[in-house]
Amino acid sequence: MDNPRIIRQSGAFFLFGINGIKEKPAALKYNYKTYLIRKEYKKNISRQLEAIGIDEGTLFPEIEHVAEHVKINITYVKNNVKNT
């Protein structure tokens, strides 16, 4: 596998034609949940995810996303570092 985004996101692919029907995806037994997150919690959750290595730069490894992530973090540090 040589797609950086798929590798960084631990991506997966859908399988078609497993049961001889090419138009239908394979039946995979996977339970998932949907969560609605209120807008006011977004920054805090983003910082918590970033603390464990999940951020725009790791999810989207293309240069424009990594550059935007770096720019946002530099701005955050500049605005939150106290002069001593």
N, C-alpha and C. Protein backbone atom coordinates (compact mmCIF):
# COMPACT_ATOMS: atom_id res chain seq x y z
N MET A 1 0.86 -1.17 0.00
CA MET A 1 0.00 0.00 0.00
C MET A 1 0.90 1.23 0.00
N ASP A 2 0.65 2.15 -0.93
CA ASP A 2 1.52 3.32 -1.05
C ASP A 2 0.78 4.65 -0.98
N ASN A 3 -0.47 4.65 -0.53
CA ASN A 3 -1.23 5.89 -0.40
C ASN A 3 -1.02 6.45 1.00
N PRO A 4 -0.31 7.59 1.14
CA PRO A 4 -0.01 8.12 2.47
C PRO A 4 -1.24 8.39 3.33
N ARG A 5 -2.31 8.89 2.71
CA ARG A 5 -3.51 9.20 3.50
C ARG A 5 -4.13 7.92 4.07
N ILE A 6 -4.25 6.88 3.25
CA ILE A 6 -4.83 5.62 3.71
C ILE A 6 -3.96 5.02 4.82
N ILE A 7 -2.66 5.09 4.65
CA ILE A 7 -1.75 4.56 5.66
C ILE A 7 -1.89 5.33 6.97
N ARG A 8 -1.87 6.68 6.92
CA ARG A 8 -1.95 7.50 8.12
C ARG A 8 -3.27 7.37 8.84
N GLN A 9 -4.35 7.12 8.09
CA GLN A 9 -5.67 7.01 8.69
C GLN A 9 -6.03 5.58 9.07
N SER A 10 -5.09 4.67 8.91
CA SER A 10 -5.39 3.25 9.12
C SER A 10 -6.65 2.88 8.33
N GLY A 11 -6.65 3.29 7.07
CA GLY A 11 -7.84 3.17 6.22
C GLY A 11 -8.24 1.75 5.90
N ALA A 12 -9.42 1.64 5.35
CA ALA A 12 -9.97 0.35 4.96
C ALA A 12 -10.65 0.50 3.61
N PHE A 13 -10.93 -0.60 2.98
CA PHE A 13 -11.59 -0.61 1.69
C PHE A 13 -12.84 -1.48 1.78
N PHE A 14 -13.84 -1.16 0.97
CA PHE A 14 -15.03 -1.98 0.89
C PHE A 14 -14.80 -3.08 -0.12
N LEU A 15 -15.33 -4.24 0.17
CA LEU A 15 -15.18 -5.39 -0.72
C LEU A 15 -16.50 -5.64 -1.45
N PHE A 16 -16.42 -5.75 -2.76
CA PHE A 16 -17.60 -6.03 -3.57
C PHE A 16 -17.41 -7.36 -4.28
N GLY A 17 -18.50 -8.05 -4.50
CA GLY A 17 -18.46 -9.28 -5.27
C GLY A 17 -18.08 -10.52 -4.50
N ILE A 18 -18.03 -10.44 -3.18
CA ILE A 18 -17.63 -11.60 -2.38
C ILE A 18 -18.60 -12.77 -2.55
N ASN A 19 -19.88 -12.48 -2.58
CA ASN A 19 -20.90 -13.52 -2.71
C ASN A 19 -21.39 -13.67 -4.15
N GLY A 20 -20.60 -13.23 -5.10
CA GLY A 20 -20.96 -13.37 -6.50
C GLY A 20 -21.83 -12.25 -7.05
N ILE A 21 -22.14 -11.25 -6.24
CA ILE A 21 -22.95 -10.12 -6.69
C ILE A 21 -22.08 -8.87 -6.64
N LYS A 22 -21.64 -8.42 -7.79
CA LYS A 22 -20.70 -7.30 -7.84
C LYS A 22 -21.30 -5.97 -7.42
N GLU A 23 -22.62 -5.84 -7.50
CA GLU A 23 -23.26 -4.56 -7.18
C GLU A 23 -23.44 -4.33 -5.68
N LYS A 24 -23.32 -5.37 -4.87
CA LYS A 24 -23.54 -5.25 -3.42
C LYS A 24 -22.22 -5.41 -2.66
N PRO A 25 -22.03 -4.56 -1.66
CA PRO A 25 -20.80 -4.73 -0.85
C PRO A 25 -20.89 -5.99 0.00
N ALA A 26 -19.76 -6.48 0.38
CA ALA A 26 -19.71 -7.65 1.25
C ALA A 26 -20.38 -7.33 2.58
N ALA A 27 -21.08 -8.30 3.13
CA ALA A 27 -21.73 -8.11 4.42
C ALA A 27 -20.70 -8.29 5.53
N LEU A 28 -20.33 -7.19 6.14
CA LEU A 28 -19.37 -7.23 7.24
C LEU A 28 -20.10 -6.92 8.53
N LYS A 29 -19.87 -7.72 9.53
CA LYS A 29 -20.53 -7.51 10.82
C LYS A 29 -19.69 -6.54 11.63
N TYR A 30 -20.18 -5.32 11.71
CA TYR A 30 -19.46 -4.28 12.44
C TYR A 30 -20.49 -3.35 13.07
N ASN A 31 -20.44 -3.24 14.36
CA ASN A 31 -21.34 -2.34 15.08
C ASN A 31 -20.64 -1.01 15.29
N TYR A 32 -21.32 0.06 15.00
CA TYR A 32 -20.73 1.38 15.20
C TYR A 32 -21.76 2.29 15.84
N LYS A 33 -21.26 3.34 16.45
CA LYS A 33 -22.13 4.31 17.10
C LYS A 33 -21.88 5.68 16.49
N THR A 34 -22.89 6.52 16.53
CA THR A 34 -22.78 7.89 16.06
C THR A 34 -22.88 8.81 17.26
N TYR A 35 -21.99 9.78 17.32
CA TYR A 35 -21.99 10.75 18.42
C TYR A 35 -22.16 12.15 17.85
N LEU A 36 -23.00 12.93 18.47
CA LEU A 36 -23.15 14.33 18.12
C LEU A 36 -22.37 15.13 19.15
N ILE A 37 -21.48 15.99 18.67
CA ILE A 37 -20.63 16.78 19.56
C ILE A 37 -21.02 18.25 19.42
N ARG A 38 -21.30 18.86 20.53
CA ARG A 38 -21.71 20.27 20.52
C ARG A 38 -20.53 21.16 20.15
N LYS A 39 -20.83 22.23 19.44
CA LYS A 39 -19.82 23.14 18.91
C LYS A 39 -18.87 23.67 20.00
N GLU A 40 -19.40 23.96 21.17
CA GLU A 40 -18.56 24.56 22.21
C GLU A 40 -17.50 23.59 22.77
N TYR A 41 -17.61 22.31 22.47
CA TYR A 41 -16.62 21.34 22.94
C TYR A 41 -15.53 21.03 21.91
N LYS A 42 -15.69 21.56 20.69
CA LYS A 42 -14.79 21.21 19.59
C LYS A 42 -13.32 21.51 19.88
N LYS A 43 -13.01 22.71 20.36
CA LYS A 43 -11.60 23.06 20.60
C LYS A 43 -10.97 22.17 21.65
N ASN A 44 -11.71 21.91 22.73
CA ASN A 44 -11.18 21.07 23.79
C ASN A 44 -10.94 19.64 23.30
N ILE A 45 -11.89 19.11 22.57
CA ILE A 45 -11.73 17.75 22.03
C ILE A 45 -10.58 17.70 21.04
N SER A 46 -10.45 18.73 20.20
CA SER A 46 -9.35 18.78 19.24
C SER A 46 -8.00 18.77 19.95
N ARG A 47 -7.88 19.53 21.02
CA ARG A 47 -6.62 19.56 21.79
C ARG A 47 -6.34 18.22 22.46
N GLN A 48 -7.39 17.56 22.95
CA GLN A 48 -7.21 16.25 23.57
C GLN A 48 -6.76 15.22 22.53
N LEU A 49 -7.37 15.26 21.36
CA LEU A 49 -6.96 14.35 20.29
C LEU A 49 -5.52 14.63 19.86
N GLU A 50 -5.19 15.89 19.77
CA GLU A 50 -3.83 16.26 19.38
C GLU A 50 -2.80 15.75 20.40
N ALA A 51 -3.18 15.74 21.66
CA ALA A 51 -2.27 15.26 22.72
C ALA A 51 -1.93 13.78 22.54
N ILE A 52 -2.80 13.03 21.86
CA ILE A 52 -2.51 11.61 21.61
C ILE A 52 -2.13 11.35 20.15
N GLY A 53 -1.78 12.43 19.44
CA GLY A 53 -1.23 12.28 18.09
C GLY A 53 -2.24 12.24 16.96
N ILE A 54 -3.46 12.70 17.21
CA ILE A 54 -4.47 12.74 16.15
C ILE A 54 -4.76 14.19 15.84
N ASP A 55 -4.37 14.63 14.66
CA ASP A 55 -4.60 16.02 14.26
C ASP A 55 -4.69 16.09 12.74
N GLU A 56 -4.90 17.29 12.22
CA GLU A 56 -5.07 17.46 10.77
C GLU A 56 -3.85 16.94 10.01
N GLY A 57 -2.67 17.16 10.55
CA GLY A 57 -1.45 16.73 9.88
C GLY A 57 -1.30 15.22 9.80
N THR A 58 -1.82 14.49 10.78
CA THR A 58 -1.71 13.03 10.73
C THR A 58 -2.86 12.41 9.94
N LEU A 59 -4.04 13.04 9.97
CA LEU A 59 -5.17 12.49 9.23
C LEU A 59 -5.08 12.79 7.74
N PHE A 60 -4.53 13.96 7.41
CA PHE A 60 -4.42 14.39 6.02
C PHE A 60 -2.97 14.78 5.76
N PRO A 61 -2.12 13.83 5.34
CA PRO A 61 -0.69 14.08 5.23
C PRO A 61 -0.25 14.92 4.04
N GLU A 62 -1.19 15.38 3.21
CA GLU A 62 -0.80 16.23 2.09
C GLU A 62 -0.23 17.54 2.63
N ILE A 63 0.70 18.12 1.92
CA ILE A 63 1.47 19.27 2.39
C ILE A 63 0.59 20.44 2.82
N GLU A 64 -0.51 20.71 2.09
CA GLU A 64 -1.34 21.86 2.45
C GLU A 64 -2.01 21.67 3.81
N HIS A 65 -2.36 20.45 4.17
CA HIS A 65 -2.98 20.19 5.47
C HIS A 65 -1.95 20.26 6.60
N VAL A 66 -0.78 19.72 6.36
CA VAL A 66 0.27 19.78 7.37
C VAL A 66 0.69 21.23 7.59
N ALA A 67 0.81 22.00 6.52
CA ALA A 67 1.19 23.41 6.64
C ALA A 67 0.14 24.19 7.42
N GLU A 68 -1.13 23.95 7.16
CA GLU A 68 -2.20 24.63 7.89
C GLU A 68 -2.17 24.26 9.37
N HIS A 69 -1.91 23.00 9.67
CA HIS A 69 -1.80 22.54 11.06
C HIS A 69 -0.65 23.25 11.78
N VAL A 70 0.49 23.33 11.12
CA VAL A 70 1.64 24.01 11.72
C VAL A 70 1.33 25.49 11.94
N LYS A 71 0.71 26.13 10.97
CA LYS A 71 0.36 27.55 11.09
C LYS A 71 -0.58 27.80 12.27
N ILE A 72 -1.58 26.96 12.42
CA ILE A 72 -2.53 27.10 13.52
C ILE A 72 -1.82 26.93 14.86
N ASN A 73 -0.92 25.97 14.95
CA ASN A 73 -0.22 25.73 16.21
C ASN A 73 0.75 26.84 16.55
N ILE A 74 1.41 27.41 15.56
CA ILE A 74 2.31 28.53 15.81
C ILE A 74 1.52 29.73 16.32
N THR A 75 0.38 29.98 15.71
CA THR A 75 -0.48 31.08 16.14
C THR A 75 -0.97 30.83 17.57
N TYR A 76 -1.36 29.60 17.88
CA TYR A 76 -1.84 29.26 19.21
C TYR A 76 -0.74 29.49 20.25
N VAL A 77 0.46 29.03 19.95
CA VAL A 77 1.58 29.20 20.88
C VAL A 77 1.89 30.68 21.08
N LYS A 78 1.94 31.44 20.00
CA LYS A 78 2.23 32.88 20.10
C LYS A 78 1.19 33.59 20.96
N ASN A 79 -0.07 33.20 20.83
CA ASN A 79 -1.13 33.86 21.56
C ASN A 79 -1.25 33.40 23.02
N ASN A 80 -0.65 32.28 23.36
CA ASN A 80 -0.83 31.73 24.69
C ASN A 80 0.45 31.64 25.53
N VAL A 81 1.58 31.97 24.97
CA VAL A 81 2.82 31.96 25.73
C VAL A 81 2.96 33.30 26.44
N LYS A 82 3.15 33.21 27.73
CA LYS A 82 3.30 34.44 28.52
C LYS A 82 4.73 34.93 28.44
N ASN A 83 4.90 36.24 28.32
CA ASN A 83 6.22 36.82 28.32
C ASN A 83 6.76 36.79 29.75
N THR A 84 7.97 36.30 29.90
CA THR A 84 8.57 36.23 31.24
C THR A 84 9.70 37.18 31.38
